[in-house]
Amino acid sequence: MKKKIVSTLLLLSLLALVVPAFAQRVDDTAIHRSCKYCGMDREKFNHSRMLIKYDDGTSTGVCSLHCAALELSTMLDKTPQSIMVADMISRQLIDAETAFWVIDSSKPGVMSSRGKWAFQKKETAETYAQEAKGKLVTFDEAIKAAYEDMYADTKMIREKRKDKKAPASMEHKH
């Protein structure tokens, strides 16, 4: 009988550890399926997605640091309680402010011509930065870079969307 109780308690303890981590992963993309600003599928871009929780209990899910910068600049009357970002490798949400960020000019980012990627482990970020010839930076530096890139990135996005809406050229005109 004691063995059964101990086994049950052990199983419940393991579930208590696993379920919250799984719930966090499922909930952020289930609640915020698409980016509020560009409409991109956050599950598809789970390597760059972000989740901003405010002290009033509301939250916003976005696809990238670019769209998070838009959110933070337009929601001036709301105070962020937490800003989470996906670790580029594990895809798990981590604290954006303590993450190790890499600005990578060699690889376009999501919604940006200059990649800005988050990592949970400093060693992983350093390795990525070295391989990509990128720069290891803090969250403040990464979001500042997002704001600096905003005009060019927004112009690039508009042009891409305009090209997609343009009718295909007619090859044979009669």
Protein backbone atom coordinates (compact mmCIF):
# COMPACT_ATOMS: atom_id res chain seq x y z
CA MET A 1 0.00 0.00 0.00
CA LYS A 2 2.85 2.39 0.89
CA LYS A 3 4.53 1.65 -2.45
CA LYS A 4 1.36 2.56 -4.31
CA ILE A 5 1.00 5.84 -2.40
CA VAL A 6 4.65 6.74 -2.99
CA SER A 7 4.35 5.86 -6.68
CA THR A 8 1.20 7.97 -7.02
CA LEU A 9 2.81 10.92 -5.24
CA LEU A 10 5.88 10.63 -7.45
CA LEU A 11 3.71 10.55 -10.58
CA LEU A 12 1.71 13.57 -9.42
CA SER A 13 4.93 15.46 -8.65
CA LEU A 14 6.25 14.77 -12.15
CA LEU A 15 2.97 15.88 -13.70
CA ALA A 16 3.07 19.08 -11.65
CA LEU A 17 6.44 19.84 -13.23
CA VAL A 18 5.59 18.86 -16.81
CA VAL A 19 2.05 20.20 -17.22
CA PRO A 20 2.81 23.90 -16.52
CA ALA A 21 5.69 23.91 -19.02
CA PHE A 22 3.49 22.26 -21.65
CA ALA A 23 0.57 24.56 -20.86
CA GLN A 24 2.75 27.66 -21.28
CA ARG A 25 3.83 26.46 -24.74
CA VAL A 26 0.35 25.54 -25.87
CA ASP A 27 -1.46 28.51 -24.37
CA ASP A 28 0.53 31.34 -25.92
CA THR A 29 -0.01 30.16 -29.50
CA ALA A 30 -3.57 28.95 -28.85
CA ILE A 31 -4.62 32.25 -27.28
CA HIS A 32 -2.72 34.43 -29.76
CA ARG A 33 -2.74 32.39 -32.97
CA SER A 34 -1.67 35.20 -35.26
CA CYS A 35 0.37 38.34 -34.81
CA LYS A 36 -1.72 41.36 -33.92
CA TYR A 37 0.24 43.57 -36.34
CA CYS A 38 1.08 41.55 -39.42
CA GLY A 39 -1.23 38.56 -39.14
CA MET A 40 1.56 35.99 -39.35
CA ASP A 41 0.96 32.56 -37.83
CA ARG A 42 2.79 32.57 -34.48
CA GLU A 43 3.10 28.78 -34.43
CA LYS A 44 4.84 28.85 -37.81
CA PHE A 45 7.21 31.49 -36.46
CA ASN A 46 7.60 29.85 -33.08
CA HIS A 47 11.35 30.51 -33.11
CA SER A 48 10.86 34.30 -33.00
CA ARG A 49 7.45 34.75 -31.38
CA MET A 50 6.99 36.99 -28.38
CA LEU A 51 4.37 37.32 -25.65
CA ILE A 52 3.88 40.55 -23.73
CA LYS A 53 1.86 40.38 -20.51
CA TYR A 54 0.63 43.60 -18.95
CA ASP A 55 -0.03 44.42 -15.31
CA ASP A 56 -3.75 44.83 -16.09
CA GLY A 57 -3.97 41.10 -16.90
CA THR A 58 -4.07 41.47 -20.69
CA SER A 59 -1.50 40.05 -23.09
CA THR A 60 -0.48 40.38 -26.72
CA GLY A 61 1.20 37.78 -28.89
CA VAL A 62 3.39 38.85 -31.79
CA CYS A 63 5.58 37.08 -34.33
CA SER A 64 8.82 38.96 -33.83
CA LEU A 65 10.83 41.67 -32.12
CA HIS A 66 9.78 44.03 -34.93
CA CYS A 67 6.10 43.61 -34.04
CA ALA A 68 6.87 43.68 -30.29
CA ALA A 69 8.51 47.07 -30.82
CA LEU A 70 5.32 48.26 -32.55
CA GLU A 71 3.25 46.99 -29.63
CA LEU A 72 5.41 48.58 -26.96
CA SER A 73 5.52 51.92 -28.78
CA THR A 74 1.75 52.11 -29.21
CA MET A 75 0.69 50.87 -25.77
CA LEU A 76 2.23 53.69 -23.75
CA ASP A 77 -0.48 53.62 -21.07
CA LYS A 78 0.05 49.93 -20.33
CA THR A 79 2.90 48.63 -18.18
CA PRO A 80 4.52 45.37 -19.29
CA GLN A 81 4.64 42.83 -16.47
CA SER A 82 6.72 40.44 -18.55
CA ILE A 83 8.13 40.27 -22.05
CA MET A 84 8.78 36.74 -23.24
CA VAL A 85 10.55 35.60 -26.39
CA ALA A 86 11.14 32.21 -27.93
CA ASP A 87 14.60 30.76 -27.60
CA MET A 88 15.72 30.31 -31.21
CA ILE A 89 16.85 26.74 -30.56
CA SER A 90 14.33 25.22 -28.11
CA ARG A 91 11.37 27.41 -29.20
CA GLN A 92 10.43 27.74 -25.51
CA LEU A 93 9.43 31.13 -24.15
CA ILE A 94 12.08 32.80 -22.01
CA ASP A 95 12.42 36.21 -20.38
CA ALA A 96 13.33 38.63 -23.20
CA GLU A 97 15.13 40.98 -20.84
CA THR A 98 17.52 38.32 -19.54
CA ALA A 99 17.88 36.46 -22.86
CA PHE A 100 21.11 36.66 -24.82
CA TRP A 101 20.38 38.40 -28.12
CA VAL A 102 22.33 38.25 -31.37
CA ILE A 103 22.01 40.87 -34.08
CA ASP A 104 22.76 39.06 -37.33
CA SER A 105 23.09 41.13 -40.48
CA SER A 106 23.79 38.03 -42.58
CA LYS A 107 20.35 36.44 -42.03
CA PRO A 108 17.08 38.34 -42.38
CA GLY A 109 14.90 38.30 -39.32
CA VAL A 110 11.16 37.86 -39.08
CA MET A 111 9.66 41.13 -40.38
CA SER A 112 13.15 42.63 -40.54
CA SER A 113 16.07 42.66 -42.94
CA ARG A 114 18.47 42.44 -39.98
CA GLY A 115 17.97 39.36 -37.80
CA LYS A 116 17.59 39.74 -34.05
CA TRP A 117 17.54 36.34 -32.34
CA ALA A 118 17.14 35.38 -28.68
CA PHE A 119 18.87 32.56 -26.84
CA GLN A 120 18.49 31.23 -23.32
CA LYS A 121 22.13 30.19 -22.97
CA LYS A 122 25.00 32.61 -23.40
CA GLU A 123 27.26 29.90 -24.85
CA THR A 124 24.72 29.13 -27.59
CA ALA A 125 24.32 32.82 -28.40
CA GLU A 126 28.10 33.30 -28.53
CA THR A 127 28.50 30.32 -30.88
CA TYR A 128 25.71 31.57 -33.14
CA ALA A 129 27.15 35.11 -33.14
CA GLN A 130 30.60 33.82 -34.03
CA GLU A 131 29.31 31.62 -36.88
CA ALA A 132 27.02 34.34 -38.26
CA LYS A 133 29.53 37.12 -37.69
CA GLY A 134 26.83 38.69 -35.56
CA LYS A 135 26.97 40.73 -32.39
CA LEU A 136 25.95 39.55 -28.93
CA VAL A 137 23.74 42.23 -27.33
CA THR A 138 21.30 42.86 -24.48
CA PHE A 139 17.53 43.15 -24.88
CA ASP A 140 17.78 46.94 -24.69
CA GLU A 141 20.26 46.96 -27.56
CA ALA A 142 18.18 44.50 -29.62
CA ILE A 143 14.96 46.47 -29.26
CA LYS A 144 16.81 49.72 -29.98
CA ALA A 145 18.04 48.09 -33.20
CA ALA A 146 14.44 47.12 -33.99
CA TYR A 147 13.38 50.75 -33.62
CA GLU A 148 16.34 51.90 -35.74
CA ASP A 149 15.34 49.43 -38.48
CA MET A 150 11.61 50.24 -38.27
CA TYR A 151 11.34 52.60 -41.24
CA ALA A 152 13.34 50.46 -43.66
CA ASP A 153 11.64 47.26 -42.50
CA THR A 154 8.15 48.75 -42.77
CA LYS A 155 8.94 50.01 -46.27
CA MET A 156 10.26 46.56 -47.24
CA ILE A 157 7.11 44.86 -45.90
CA ARG A 158 4.83 47.26 -47.77
CA GLU A 159 6.69 46.65 -51.02
CA LYS A 160 6.50 42.86 -50.62
CA ARG A 161 2.77 43.03 -49.91
CA LYS A 162 2.21 45.36 -52.86
CA ASP A 163 4.05 42.91 -55.14
CA LYS A 164 1.86 40.03 -53.91
CA LYS A 165 -1.32 42.01 -54.65
CA ALA A 166 -0.22 43.06 -58.15
CA PRO A 167 -1.90 41.05 -60.93
CA ALA A 168 0.33 38.68 -62.83
CA SER A 169 1.60 40.20 -66.05
CA MET A 170 -0.09 38.96 -69.14
CA GLU A 171 2.33 37.15 -71.42
CA HIS A 172 0.06 37.04 -74.49
CA LYS A 173 -1.81 40.20 -75.31
CA HIS A 174 -4.25 39.96 -78.20
